[in-house]
C-alpha cells in the first residue's frame, strides 16, 4: 500500500473532522469518509483464505471493521488489521488517514 506523507494524512483528517467536536465525532467523520469512498467489493486474504470485502461498519465499541465474505460466511475484521491488495482499492487513503489518526 502506498504511504502518504504526514502532511497529506493530516489534511485528510482535517477534511473529515472539520466540524467534529470530540473524539466520537472525529471517529464518525473518518468512518463516513471510508464508507463513502472505499471502492467495494474487492478481494483480499483473511487468514490465508481469499475473501471479498463487501463493506465497512462502525461497531458499538467504536471500531471500524471491514465486512468480509466468503460464500455465505460473513466475518468482520478490524480495518487496521485488513490486508489490502496491490494495487489498493480506490479510497484506501482514508484507511491510511484513519490509521494515522488512531496512532
N, C-alpha and C. Protein backbone atom coordinates (compact mmCIF):
# COMPACT_ATOMS: atom_id res chain seq x y z
N UNK A 1 0.84 -1.17 0.00
CA UNK A 1 0.00 0.00 0.00
C UNK A 1 0.88 1.23 0.00
N UNK A 2 0.48 2.22 -0.77
CA UNK A 2 1.26 3.45 -0.79
C UNK A 2 1.15 4.13 0.57
N UNK A 3 2.13 4.90 0.89
CA UNK A 3 2.12 5.61 2.17
C UNK A 3 2.15 7.10 1.88
N UNK A 4 1.13 7.78 2.35
CA UNK A 4 1.08 9.23 2.20
C UNK A 4 1.97 9.88 3.26
N UNK A 5 2.48 11.04 2.95
CA UNK A 5 3.30 11.76 3.91
C UNK A 5 2.41 12.32 5.02
N UNK A 6 2.99 12.59 6.19
CA UNK A 6 2.19 13.07 7.32
C UNK A 6 1.35 14.31 7.01
N UNK A 7 1.86 15.23 6.21
CA UNK A 7 1.09 16.44 5.88
C UNK A 7 -0.17 16.09 5.10
N UNK A 8 -0.07 15.15 4.17
CA UNK A 8 -1.24 14.72 3.40
C UNK A 8 -2.25 14.01 4.28
N UNK A 9 -1.76 13.17 5.19
CA UNK A 9 -2.65 12.46 6.11
C UNK A 9 -3.36 13.44 7.04
N UNK A 10 -2.63 14.43 7.54
CA UNK A 10 -3.24 15.45 8.41
C UNK A 10 -4.30 16.25 7.65
N UNK A 11 -4.06 16.52 6.37
CA UNK A 11 -5.04 17.24 5.56
C UNK A 11 -6.32 16.42 5.38
N UNK A 12 -6.18 15.12 5.15
CA UNK A 12 -7.35 14.25 5.04
C UNK A 12 -8.12 14.21 6.36
N UNK A 13 -7.40 14.09 7.46
CA UNK A 13 -8.04 14.05 8.77
C UNK A 13 -8.78 15.36 9.03
N UNK A 14 -8.15 16.47 8.70
CA UNK A 14 -8.79 17.78 8.88
C UNK A 14 -10.07 17.87 8.04
N UNK A 15 -10.00 17.37 6.81
CA UNK A 15 -11.18 17.38 5.93
C UNK A 15 -12.33 16.57 6.53
N UNK A 16 -12.00 15.43 7.11
CA UNK A 16 -13.04 14.54 7.65
C UNK A 16 -13.57 15.00 9.00
N UNK A 17 -12.80 15.78 9.72
CA UNK A 17 -13.17 16.12 11.10
C UNK A 17 -13.40 17.62 11.30
N UNK A 18 -13.53 18.37 10.24
CA UNK A 18 -13.60 19.83 10.31
C UNK A 18 -14.67 20.34 11.27
N UNK A 19 -15.82 19.71 11.30
CA UNK A 19 -16.93 20.15 12.16
C UNK A 19 -17.12 19.25 13.37
N UNK A 20 -16.14 18.43 13.67
CA UNK A 20 -16.29 17.44 14.75
C UNK A 20 -15.90 18.04 16.09
N UNK A 21 -16.72 17.73 17.08
CA UNK A 21 -16.42 18.12 18.46
C UNK A 21 -16.20 16.85 19.25
N UNK A 22 -14.98 16.63 19.65
CA UNK A 22 -14.66 15.45 20.43
C UNK A 22 -14.27 14.27 19.57
N UNK A 23 -13.70 13.28 20.24
CA UNK A 23 -13.17 12.10 19.59
C UNK A 23 -14.24 11.26 18.89
N UNK A 24 -15.43 11.13 19.51
CA UNK A 24 -16.50 10.33 18.90
C UNK A 24 -16.93 10.90 17.56
N UNK A 25 -17.07 12.20 17.48
CA UNK A 25 -17.46 12.83 16.21
C UNK A 25 -16.34 12.76 15.19
N UNK A 26 -15.09 12.83 15.64
CA UNK A 26 -13.97 12.67 14.72
C UNK A 26 -13.97 11.27 14.13
N UNK A 27 -14.18 10.27 14.99
CA UNK A 27 -14.26 8.89 14.52
C UNK A 27 -15.37 8.73 13.49
N UNK A 28 -16.53 9.30 13.78
CA UNK A 28 -17.66 9.21 12.85
C UNK A 28 -17.31 9.88 11.52
N UNK A 29 -16.63 11.01 11.57
CA UNK A 29 -16.24 11.69 10.34
C UNK A 29 -15.30 10.85 9.50
N UNK A 30 -14.31 10.23 10.14
CA UNK A 30 -13.38 9.38 9.41
C UNK A 30 -14.07 8.13 8.87
N UNK A 31 -14.92 7.51 9.69
CA UNK A 31 -15.66 6.35 9.23
C UNK A 31 -16.51 6.69 8.00
N UNK A 32 -17.18 7.82 8.06
CA UNK A 32 -18.03 8.23 6.94
C UNK A 32 -17.22 8.38 5.66
N UNK A 33 -16.03 8.94 5.76
CA UNK A 33 -15.17 9.09 4.56
C UNK A 33 -14.76 7.71 4.03
N UNK A 34 -14.42 6.79 4.92
CA UNK A 34 -14.07 5.44 4.48
C UNK A 34 -15.28 4.80 3.80
N UNK A 35 -16.43 4.86 4.45
CA UNK A 35 -17.65 4.24 3.93
C UNK A 35 -18.03 4.80 2.57
N UNK A 36 -17.92 6.11 2.40
CA UNK A 36 -18.34 6.76 1.16
C UNK A 36 -17.33 6.61 0.02
N UNK A 37 -16.06 6.40 0.34
CA UNK A 37 -15.02 6.45 -0.69
C UNK A 37 -14.32 5.14 -0.99
N UNK A 38 -14.39 4.16 -0.09
CA UNK A 38 -13.68 2.90 -0.32
C UNK A 38 -14.42 2.09 -1.38
N UNK A 39 -13.74 1.78 -2.46
CA UNK A 39 -14.34 1.03 -3.57
C UNK A 39 -14.48 -0.44 -3.20
N UNK A 40 -15.71 -0.84 -2.90
CA UNK A 40 -16.01 -2.23 -2.58
C UNK A 40 -16.98 -2.77 -3.61
N UNK A 41 -17.00 -4.06 -3.87
CA UNK A 41 -16.18 -5.09 -3.22
C UNK A 41 -14.78 -5.14 -3.82
N UNK A 42 -13.86 -5.70 -3.03
CA UNK A 42 -12.53 -6.04 -3.52
C UNK A 42 -12.09 -7.31 -2.80
N UNK A 43 -11.16 -8.00 -3.41
CA UNK A 43 -10.69 -9.28 -2.89
C UNK A 43 -9.42 -9.08 -2.09
N UNK A 44 -9.33 -9.79 -0.96
CA UNK A 44 -8.15 -9.77 -0.12
C UNK A 44 -7.95 -11.15 0.48
N UNK A 45 -6.98 -11.29 1.34
CA UNK A 45 -6.72 -12.55 2.01
C UNK A 45 -6.93 -12.37 3.50
N UNK A 46 -7.74 -13.26 4.09
CA UNK A 46 -8.00 -13.24 5.53
C UNK A 46 -7.60 -14.61 6.07
N UNK A 47 -6.60 -14.64 6.93
CA UNK A 47 -6.08 -15.89 7.50
C UNK A 47 -5.74 -16.91 6.42
N UNK A 48 -5.12 -16.43 5.36
CA UNK A 48 -4.68 -17.30 4.28
C UNK A 48 -5.75 -17.74 3.31
N UNK A 49 -6.96 -17.21 3.45
CA UNK A 49 -8.07 -17.59 2.59
C UNK A 49 -8.57 -16.35 1.85
N UNK A 50 -8.84 -16.50 0.57
CA UNK A 50 -9.35 -15.39 -0.21
C UNK A 50 -10.78 -15.05 0.22
N UNK A 51 -11.04 -13.76 0.39
CA UNK A 51 -12.37 -13.28 0.79
C UNK A 51 -12.63 -11.94 0.10
N UNK A 52 -13.90 -11.58 0.04
CA UNK A 52 -14.28 -10.30 -0.55
C UNK A 52 -14.68 -9.33 0.55
N UNK A 53 -14.13 -8.13 0.49
CA UNK A 53 -14.57 -7.06 1.37
C UNK A 53 -15.79 -6.44 0.70
N UNK A 54 -16.93 -6.51 1.40
CA UNK A 54 -18.19 -6.06 0.81
C UNK A 54 -18.71 -4.77 1.42
N UNK A 55 -18.05 -4.28 2.45
CA UNK A 55 -18.47 -3.03 3.08
C UNK A 55 -17.72 -2.79 4.36
N UNK A 56 -18.08 -1.71 5.04
CA UNK A 56 -17.47 -1.36 6.33
C UNK A 56 -18.58 -1.01 7.32
N UNK A 57 -18.27 -1.16 8.59
CA UNK A 57 -19.20 -0.83 9.67
C UNK A 57 -18.45 -0.12 10.78
N UNK A 58 -19.20 0.60 11.59
CA UNK A 58 -18.70 1.18 12.82
C UNK A 58 -19.38 0.44 13.95
N UNK A 59 -18.60 -0.24 14.78
CA UNK A 59 -19.17 -1.07 15.84
C UNK A 59 -19.60 -0.20 17.03
N UNK A 60 -20.40 -0.78 17.90
CA UNK A 60 -20.87 -0.07 19.09
C UNK A 60 -19.72 0.34 20.00
N UNK A 61 -18.62 -0.42 19.96
CA UNK A 61 -17.48 -0.07 20.81
C UNK A 61 -16.46 0.82 20.10
N UNK A 62 -16.86 1.40 18.96
CA UNK A 62 -16.03 2.40 18.30
C UNK A 62 -14.93 1.89 17.41
N UNK A 63 -15.09 0.69 16.87
CA UNK A 63 -14.08 0.16 15.94
C UNK A 63 -14.63 0.21 14.52
N UNK A 64 -13.76 0.54 13.58
CA UNK A 64 -14.12 0.46 12.18
C UNK A 64 -13.72 -0.92 11.70
N UNK A 65 -14.68 -1.65 11.13
CA UNK A 65 -14.43 -3.01 10.67
C UNK A 65 -14.81 -3.16 9.21
N UNK A 66 -14.13 -4.08 8.55
CA UNK A 66 -14.46 -4.45 7.18
C UNK A 66 -15.35 -5.69 7.23
N UNK A 67 -16.44 -5.68 6.47
CA UNK A 67 -17.30 -6.86 6.36
C UNK A 67 -16.74 -7.72 5.23
N UNK A 68 -16.25 -8.90 5.60
CA UNK A 68 -15.62 -9.82 4.65
C UNK A 68 -16.54 -11.00 4.41
N UNK A 69 -16.62 -11.43 3.17
CA UNK A 69 -17.49 -12.54 2.80
C UNK A 69 -16.71 -13.57 2.01
N UNK A 70 -17.01 -14.83 2.32
CA UNK A 70 -16.51 -15.97 1.53
C UNK A 70 -17.69 -16.90 1.41
N UNK A 71 -18.29 -16.93 0.24
CA UNK A 71 -19.53 -17.68 0.08
C UNK A 71 -20.60 -17.07 0.95
N UNK A 72 -21.24 -17.89 1.75
CA UNK A 72 -22.31 -17.38 2.64
C UNK A 72 -21.79 -17.00 4.03
N UNK A 73 -20.48 -17.14 4.25
CA UNK A 73 -19.90 -16.82 5.55
C UNK A 73 -19.46 -15.36 5.58
N UNK A 74 -19.92 -14.63 6.60
CA UNK A 74 -19.52 -13.24 6.80
C UNK A 74 -18.68 -13.13 8.06
N UNK A 75 -17.66 -12.29 8.01
CA UNK A 75 -16.78 -12.08 9.16
C UNK A 75 -16.37 -10.62 9.17
N UNK A 76 -16.41 -9.98 10.32
CA UNK A 76 -15.92 -8.61 10.45
C UNK A 76 -14.48 -8.65 10.92
N UNK A 77 -13.64 -7.87 10.24
CA UNK A 77 -12.21 -7.78 10.55
C UNK A 77 -11.90 -6.31 10.80
N UNK A 78 -11.16 -6.03 11.86
CA UNK A 78 -10.75 -4.65 12.11
C UNK A 78 -10.08 -4.07 10.87
N UNK A 79 -10.50 -2.89 10.47
CA UNK A 79 -9.99 -2.30 9.23
C UNK A 79 -8.48 -2.10 9.28
N UNK A 80 -7.94 -1.90 10.48
CA UNK A 80 -6.50 -1.72 10.60
C UNK A 80 -5.74 -3.05 10.51
N UNK A 81 -6.45 -4.16 10.67
CA UNK A 81 -5.86 -5.49 10.55
C UNK A 81 -6.03 -6.07 9.15
N UNK A 82 -6.76 -5.37 8.31
CA UNK A 82 -7.09 -5.87 6.98
C UNK A 82 -5.90 -5.72 6.04
N UNK A 83 -5.56 -6.81 5.37
CA UNK A 83 -4.51 -6.79 4.36
C UNK A 83 -5.12 -6.25 3.06
N UNK A 84 -4.62 -5.12 2.60
CA UNK A 84 -5.13 -4.55 1.36
C UNK A 84 -4.38 -5.14 0.17
N UNK A 85 -5.09 -5.37 -0.92
CA UNK A 85 -4.43 -5.92 -2.12
C UNK A 85 -3.56 -4.86 -2.79
N UNK A 86 -2.71 -5.31 -3.68
CA UNK A 86 -1.92 -4.40 -4.53
C UNK A 86 -2.43 -4.53 -5.95
N UNK A 87 -2.84 -3.50 -6.60
CA UNK A 87 -2.94 -2.15 -6.06
C UNK A 87 -4.10 -2.04 -5.08
N UNK A 88 -3.97 -1.13 -4.15
CA UNK A 88 -5.03 -0.91 -3.15
C UNK A 88 -6.26 -0.32 -3.83
N UNK A 89 -7.44 -0.62 -3.32
CA UNK A 89 -8.66 -0.09 -3.93
C UNK A 89 -8.76 1.42 -3.79
N UNK A 90 -9.48 2.04 -4.69
CA UNK A 90 -9.73 3.47 -4.57
C UNK A 90 -10.33 3.77 -3.21
N UNK A 91 -9.95 4.88 -2.65
CA UNK A 91 -10.46 5.29 -1.35
C UNK A 91 -9.65 4.77 -0.17
N UNK A 92 -8.65 3.94 -0.43
CA UNK A 92 -7.87 3.36 0.68
C UNK A 92 -7.05 4.41 1.42
N UNK A 93 -6.88 5.58 0.83
CA UNK A 93 -6.16 6.65 1.54
C UNK A 93 -6.90 7.04 2.81
N UNK A 94 -8.22 6.82 2.86
CA UNK A 94 -8.99 7.12 4.07
C UNK A 94 -8.68 6.12 5.18
N UNK A 95 -8.39 4.88 4.81
CA UNK A 95 -7.96 3.90 5.83
C UNK A 95 -6.61 4.33 6.39
N UNK A 96 -5.74 4.78 5.51
CA UNK A 96 -4.42 5.24 5.94
C UNK A 96 -4.55 6.46 6.86
N UNK A 97 -5.44 7.38 6.54
CA UNK A 97 -5.68 8.55 7.40
C UNK A 97 -6.24 8.11 8.75
N UNK A 98 -7.16 7.16 8.73
CA UNK A 98 -7.72 6.64 9.98
C UNK A 98 -6.62 6.00 10.83
N UNK A 99 -5.75 5.22 10.21
CA UNK A 99 -4.63 4.59 10.92
C UNK A 99 -3.75 5.66 11.57
N UNK A 100 -3.46 6.71 10.85
CA UNK A 100 -2.62 7.80 11.36
C UNK A 100 -3.33 8.48 12.54
N UNK A 101 -4.63 8.70 12.42
CA UNK A 101 -5.42 9.34 13.48
C UNK A 101 -5.43 8.49 14.74
N UNK A 102 -5.57 7.18 14.59
CA UNK A 102 -5.62 6.28 15.74
C UNK A 102 -4.30 6.29 16.49
N UNK A 103 -3.21 6.33 15.76
CA UNK A 103 -1.89 6.25 16.41
C UNK A 103 -1.40 7.63 16.68
